[in-house]
Amino acid sequence: MRRFLRQIKSELKTAKHCAIYQEELKRVWPDEGNQREPKIARFAEEHGFRLRFYRDGLCAIFDKAPERETEGFYIKSS
C-alpha cells in the first residue's frame, strides 16, 4: 500500500490525476465483488486524495481532495 501512496503522491505533483490499473489494484485489494471500491475510496480519503473514477476490471483514478470551506475558513486536506 505504501507503494501506491508514493506513486499517487509523485504523479499528483505534476499531473491533475493518477490512474492505477487493474493488475496493480488486485495486488493490494483482491477482487471481492462489490467490496473493493469502498476500500479504495477509504484509502484515498485517509491519505488526502479522492477516488474520481473506478471501473471494476479497469482502473481507479485519483486526484487531490478539494479544499473544504468550513465557517469561513478553508481547510486543506493533508
N, C-alpha and C. Protein backbone atom coordinates (compact mmCIF):
# COMPACT_ATOMS: atom_id res chain seq x y z
N MET A 1 0.82 -1.18 0.00
CA MET A 1 0.00 0.00 0.00
C MET A 1 0.87 1.26 0.00
N ARG A 2 2.02 1.18 0.64
CA ARG A 2 2.93 2.34 0.65
C ARG A 2 3.40 2.68 -0.75
N ARG A 3 3.56 1.65 -1.57
CA ARG A 3 3.99 1.86 -2.95
C ARG A 3 2.94 2.67 -3.72
N PHE A 4 1.66 2.34 -3.52
CA PHE A 4 0.59 3.10 -4.16
C PHE A 4 0.61 4.55 -3.70
N LEU A 5 0.78 4.72 -2.41
CA LEU A 5 0.79 6.06 -1.84
C LEU A 5 1.91 6.90 -2.45
N ARG A 6 3.12 6.33 -2.53
CA ARG A 6 4.24 7.05 -3.14
C ARG A 6 3.97 7.37 -4.61
N GLN A 7 3.42 6.39 -5.33
CA GLN A 7 3.14 6.58 -6.75
C GLN A 7 2.11 7.69 -6.96
N ILE A 8 1.04 7.67 -6.19
CA ILE A 8 -0.01 8.68 -6.34
C ILE A 8 0.53 10.06 -5.99
N LYS A 9 1.22 10.18 -4.85
CA LYS A 9 1.78 11.47 -4.45
C LYS A 9 2.73 12.01 -5.51
N SER A 10 3.57 11.14 -6.04
CA SER A 10 4.54 11.56 -7.05
C SER A 10 3.85 12.06 -8.31
N GLU A 11 2.87 11.32 -8.80
CA GLU A 11 2.18 11.72 -10.02
C GLU A 11 1.38 13.00 -9.84
N LEU A 12 0.78 13.18 -8.67
CA LEU A 12 -0.05 14.36 -8.44
C LEU A 12 0.76 15.64 -8.24
N LYS A 13 2.08 15.51 -8.13
CA LYS A 13 2.92 16.71 -8.07
C LYS A 13 2.94 17.42 -9.41
N THR A 14 2.82 16.65 -10.50
CA THR A 14 2.92 17.23 -11.84
C THR A 14 1.67 17.04 -12.69
N ALA A 15 0.75 16.20 -12.24
CA ALA A 15 -0.46 15.92 -13.03
C ALA A 15 -1.70 16.17 -12.19
N LYS A 16 -2.84 16.29 -12.85
CA LYS A 16 -4.10 16.53 -12.14
C LYS A 16 -4.73 15.25 -11.62
N HIS A 17 -4.31 14.11 -12.17
CA HIS A 17 -4.87 12.84 -11.71
C HIS A 17 -3.83 11.74 -11.85
N CYS A 18 -4.13 10.60 -11.23
CA CYS A 18 -3.24 9.44 -11.27
C CYS A 18 -4.10 8.20 -11.46
N ALA A 19 -3.79 7.41 -12.46
CA ALA A 19 -4.53 6.17 -12.72
C ALA A 19 -3.72 4.98 -12.23
N ILE A 20 -4.40 4.09 -11.51
CA ILE A 20 -3.81 2.83 -11.08
C ILE A 20 -4.65 1.73 -11.74
N TYR A 21 -3.99 0.87 -12.48
CA TYR A 21 -4.72 -0.11 -13.28
C TYR A 21 -4.94 -1.43 -12.55
N GLN A 22 -5.84 -2.22 -13.10
CA GLN A 22 -6.34 -3.46 -12.51
C GLN A 22 -5.23 -4.37 -11.97
N GLU A 23 -4.19 -4.59 -12.74
CA GLU A 23 -3.13 -5.50 -12.31
C GLU A 23 -2.50 -5.05 -11.00
N GLU A 24 -2.31 -3.75 -10.84
CA GLU A 24 -1.74 -3.22 -9.61
C GLU A 24 -2.76 -3.22 -8.48
N LEU A 25 -4.01 -2.87 -8.79
CA LEU A 25 -5.05 -2.82 -7.76
C LEU A 25 -5.26 -4.18 -7.10
N LYS A 26 -5.28 -5.23 -7.90
CA LYS A 26 -5.60 -6.54 -7.34
C LYS A 26 -4.49 -7.09 -6.45
N ARG A 27 -3.29 -6.52 -6.51
CA ARG A 27 -2.23 -6.94 -5.59
C ARG A 27 -2.54 -6.51 -4.16
N VAL A 28 -3.15 -5.35 -4.01
CA VAL A 28 -3.46 -4.82 -2.68
C VAL A 28 -4.89 -5.15 -2.27
N TRP A 29 -5.81 -5.01 -3.21
CA TRP A 29 -7.23 -5.26 -2.94
C TRP A 29 -7.72 -6.36 -3.87
N PRO A 30 -7.65 -7.62 -3.43
CA PRO A 30 -8.14 -8.72 -4.27
C PRO A 30 -9.61 -8.49 -4.63
N ASP A 31 -10.00 -9.00 -5.78
CA ASP A 31 -11.38 -8.82 -6.25
C ASP A 31 -12.33 -9.59 -5.34
N GLU A 32 -13.15 -8.85 -4.62
CA GLU A 32 -14.14 -9.44 -3.70
C GLU A 32 -15.53 -8.94 -4.05
N GLY A 33 -15.83 -8.90 -5.32
CA GLY A 33 -17.14 -8.40 -5.73
C GLY A 33 -17.24 -6.90 -5.55
N ASN A 34 -18.28 -6.46 -4.88
CA ASN A 34 -18.53 -5.02 -4.69
C ASN A 34 -17.78 -4.44 -3.50
N GLN A 35 -16.92 -5.21 -2.86
CA GLN A 35 -16.23 -4.74 -1.66
C GLN A 35 -14.98 -3.90 -1.97
N ARG A 36 -14.46 -3.97 -3.17
CA ARG A 36 -13.20 -3.30 -3.49
C ARG A 36 -13.34 -1.78 -3.57
N GLU A 37 -14.33 -1.28 -4.25
CA GLU A 37 -14.46 0.17 -4.45
C GLU A 37 -14.53 0.94 -3.13
N PRO A 38 -15.34 0.54 -2.15
CA PRO A 38 -15.35 1.29 -0.88
C PRO A 38 -14.00 1.27 -0.16
N LYS A 39 -13.26 0.18 -0.28
CA LYS A 39 -11.94 0.10 0.35
C LYS A 39 -10.97 1.07 -0.31
N ILE A 40 -11.02 1.15 -1.63
CA ILE A 40 -10.14 2.06 -2.36
C ILE A 40 -10.51 3.51 -2.04
N ALA A 41 -11.80 3.80 -1.99
CA ALA A 41 -12.26 5.15 -1.66
C ALA A 41 -11.82 5.54 -0.25
N ARG A 42 -11.91 4.62 0.69
CA ARG A 42 -11.48 4.89 2.07
C ARG A 42 -9.98 5.16 2.12
N PHE A 43 -9.19 4.36 1.39
CA PHE A 43 -7.74 4.57 1.31
C PHE A 43 -7.46 5.98 0.79
N ALA A 44 -8.14 6.38 -0.27
CA ALA A 44 -7.93 7.71 -0.85
C ALA A 44 -8.24 8.80 0.17
N GLU A 45 -9.38 8.69 0.81
CA GLU A 45 -9.80 9.71 1.78
C GLU A 45 -8.83 9.81 2.95
N GLU A 46 -8.36 8.67 3.43
CA GLU A 46 -7.44 8.65 4.57
C GLU A 46 -6.11 9.33 4.24
N HIS A 47 -5.77 9.40 2.94
CA HIS A 47 -4.48 9.95 2.54
C HIS A 47 -4.60 11.29 1.81
N GLY A 48 -5.78 11.91 1.87
CA GLY A 48 -5.95 13.23 1.29
C GLY A 48 -6.19 13.26 -0.21
N PHE A 49 -6.60 12.13 -0.76
CA PHE A 49 -6.93 12.05 -2.17
C PHE A 49 -8.43 11.84 -2.32
N ARG A 50 -8.86 11.79 -3.57
CA ARG A 50 -10.25 11.49 -3.86
C ARG A 50 -10.28 10.45 -4.97
N LEU A 51 -11.12 9.46 -4.83
CA LEU A 51 -11.33 8.48 -5.88
C LEU A 51 -12.30 9.09 -6.87
N ARG A 52 -11.80 9.53 -8.02
CA ARG A 52 -12.63 10.22 -9.01
C ARG A 52 -13.38 9.26 -9.92
N PHE A 53 -12.77 8.10 -10.18
CA PHE A 53 -13.37 7.15 -11.11
C PHE A 53 -12.92 5.76 -10.72
N TYR A 54 -13.82 4.82 -10.79
CA TYR A 54 -13.47 3.42 -10.57
C TYR A 54 -14.30 2.57 -11.50
N ARG A 55 -13.65 1.68 -12.20
CA ARG A 55 -14.35 0.71 -13.03
C ARG A 55 -13.71 -0.64 -12.74
N ASP A 56 -14.51 -1.55 -12.21
CA ASP A 56 -14.01 -2.88 -11.86
C ASP A 56 -13.42 -3.53 -13.11
N GLY A 57 -12.22 -4.05 -12.97
CA GLY A 57 -11.55 -4.71 -14.08
C GLY A 57 -10.75 -3.76 -14.95
N LEU A 58 -10.81 -2.45 -14.67
CA LEU A 58 -10.08 -1.48 -15.49
C LEU A 58 -9.09 -0.68 -14.65
N CYS A 59 -9.58 0.30 -13.89
CA CYS A 59 -8.67 1.15 -13.13
C CYS A 59 -9.39 1.97 -12.07
N ALA A 60 -8.57 2.63 -11.26
CA ALA A 60 -9.04 3.63 -10.30
C ALA A 60 -8.27 4.91 -10.61
N ILE A 61 -8.97 6.02 -10.65
CA ILE A 61 -8.33 7.31 -10.92
C ILE A 61 -8.48 8.19 -9.69
N PHE A 62 -7.35 8.71 -9.23
CA PHE A 62 -7.30 9.54 -8.04
C PHE A 62 -6.94 10.97 -8.42
N ASP A 63 -7.40 11.92 -7.62
CA ASP A 63 -6.92 13.29 -7.72
C ASP A 63 -6.81 13.83 -6.30
N LYS A 64 -6.35 15.08 -6.19
CA LYS A 64 -6.23 15.69 -4.87
C LYS A 64 -7.63 16.00 -4.36
N ALA A 65 -7.85 15.75 -3.09
CA ALA A 65 -9.14 16.08 -2.49
C ALA A 65 -9.29 17.60 -2.50
N PRO A 66 -10.47 18.09 -2.82
CA PRO A 66 -10.65 19.55 -2.85
C PRO A 66 -10.57 20.13 -1.45
N GLU A 67 -10.16 21.38 -1.39
CA GLU A 67 -10.14 22.06 -0.10
C GLU A 67 -11.58 22.32 0.29
N ARG A 68 -11.86 22.16 1.57
CA ARG A 68 -13.22 22.36 2.07
C ARG A 68 -13.31 23.68 2.80
N GLU A 69 -14.45 24.33 2.67
CA GLU A 69 -14.67 25.58 3.39
C GLU A 69 -15.56 25.28 4.58
N THR A 70 -15.10 25.68 5.77
CA THR A 70 -15.86 25.46 6.99
C THR A 70 -15.92 26.76 7.78
N GLU A 71 -17.11 27.31 7.95
CA GLU A 71 -17.33 28.53 8.72
C GLU A 71 -16.38 29.65 8.33
N GLY A 72 -16.21 29.86 7.03
CA GLY A 72 -15.38 30.97 6.57
C GLY A 72 -13.90 30.66 6.50
N PHE A 73 -13.48 29.49 6.95
CA PHE A 73 -12.08 29.11 6.90
C PHE A 73 -11.91 27.99 5.90
N TYR A 74 -10.80 28.00 5.20
CA TYR A 74 -10.51 26.91 4.28
C TYR A 74 -9.68 25.87 5.01
N ILE A 75 -10.07 24.64 4.86
CA ILE A 75 -9.33 23.54 5.47
C ILE A 75 -8.73 22.74 4.34
N LYS A 76 -7.43 22.69 4.30
CA LYS A 76 -6.75 21.94 3.26
C LYS A 76 -6.58 20.51 3.74
N SER A 77 -7.00 19.55 2.91
CA SER A 77 -6.81 18.15 3.26
C SER A 77 -5.33 17.84 3.24
N SER A 78 -4.86 17.06 4.21
CA SER A 78 -3.43 16.75 4.27
C SER A 78 -3.07 15.61 3.38
